[in-house]
């Protein structure tokens, strides 16, 4: 999934947090809603501008961030 088609970061929108292009729906909001048990259908019903592709892009974006994190061992 090429999430760059759907995700943008702009310091003037939501303090630069990654959002779905053309909205103020953050990747964080999508991931947190899914983590708390909301379904894809719940999200789309609650946020009419949101599409399945947007949710998948948000998850791909979050996965890429985690995959590229540097792990620091506690001493």
Protein backbone atom coordinates (compact mmCIF):
# COMPACT_ATOMS: atom_id res chain seq x y z
CA UNK A 1 0.00 0.00 0.00
CA UNK A 2 1.40 3.37 -1.01
CA UNK A 3 0.12 5.41 1.92
CA UNK A 4 1.72 8.61 0.56
CA UNK A 5 -1.27 8.88 -1.74
CA UNK A 6 -3.55 9.28 1.29
CA UNK A 7 -1.45 10.60 4.20
CA UNK A 8 0.03 14.06 4.58
CA UNK A 9 1.86 16.08 7.22
CA UNK A 10 1.44 19.82 7.31
CA UNK A 11 2.49 21.99 10.26
CA UNK A 12 -0.68 24.06 9.72
CA UNK A 13 -2.98 21.03 10.09
CA UNK A 14 -3.31 19.29 13.46
CA UNK A 15 0.12 20.60 14.54
CA UNK A 16 1.83 18.59 11.82
CA UNK A 17 0.49 15.19 12.85
CA UNK A 18 -0.04 12.82 9.92
CA UNK A 19 -3.62 13.09 8.67
CA UNK A 20 -5.76 11.73 5.87
CA UNK A 21 -5.34 14.20 3.01
CA UNK A 22 -8.13 16.75 2.82
CA UNK A 23 -9.31 16.03 6.37
CA UNK A 24 -8.31 16.64 9.96
CA UNK A 25 -8.57 12.92 10.74
CA UNK A 26 -5.23 11.85 12.19
CA UNK A 27 -3.49 8.53 11.76
CA UNK A 28 -3.35 8.43 15.55
CA UNK A 29 -7.14 8.70 15.85
CA UNK A 30 -7.65 5.84 13.40
CA UNK A 31 -5.16 3.55 15.14
CA UNK A 32 -6.52 4.37 18.60
CA UNK A 33 -10.14 3.75 17.52
CA UNK A 34 -9.22 0.39 16.01
CA UNK A 35 -7.17 -0.52 19.09
CA UNK A 36 -10.13 0.25 21.34
CA UNK A 37 -12.34 -2.17 19.44
CA UNK A 38 -14.01 -0.06 16.79
CA UNK A 39 -14.45 -1.82 13.46
CA UNK A 40 -13.69 -0.50 10.00
CA UNK A 41 -17.44 -0.13 9.51
CA UNK A 42 -17.73 1.86 12.77
CA UNK A 43 -15.02 4.27 11.61
CA UNK A 44 -16.56 4.81 8.19
CA UNK A 45 -19.98 5.42 9.73
CA UNK A 46 -18.57 7.86 12.29
CA UNK A 47 -16.40 9.73 9.80
CA UNK A 48 -18.24 9.95 6.46
CA UNK A 49 -15.19 11.30 4.60
CA UNK A 50 -13.19 8.23 5.60
CA UNK A 51 -12.83 5.31 3.20
CA UNK A 52 -11.42 1.81 3.62
CA UNK A 53 -8.30 2.87 1.68
CA UNK A 54 -7.68 5.66 4.18
CA UNK A 55 -7.78 3.28 7.14
CA UNK A 56 -5.45 0.82 5.41
CA UNK A 57 -3.09 3.68 4.54
CA UNK A 58 -3.07 4.82 8.18
CA UNK A 59 -2.17 1.31 9.32
CA UNK A 60 0.56 1.01 6.69
CA UNK A 61 1.97 4.37 7.75
CA UNK A 62 1.98 3.36 11.42
CA UNK A 63 3.60 0.01 10.58
CA UNK A 64 6.36 1.75 8.61
CA UNK A 65 7.05 4.10 11.52
CA UNK A 66 7.38 1.18 13.90
CA UNK A 67 9.51 -0.82 11.46
CA UNK A 68 11.97 2.08 11.14
CA UNK A 69 12.23 2.87 14.86
CA UNK A 70 15.58 2.52 16.54
CA UNK A 71 15.50 0.43 19.65
CA UNK A 72 17.37 1.82 22.64
CA UNK A 73 18.20 -0.62 25.42
CA UNK A 74 17.69 0.60 28.98
CA UNK A 75 20.88 0.42 31.01
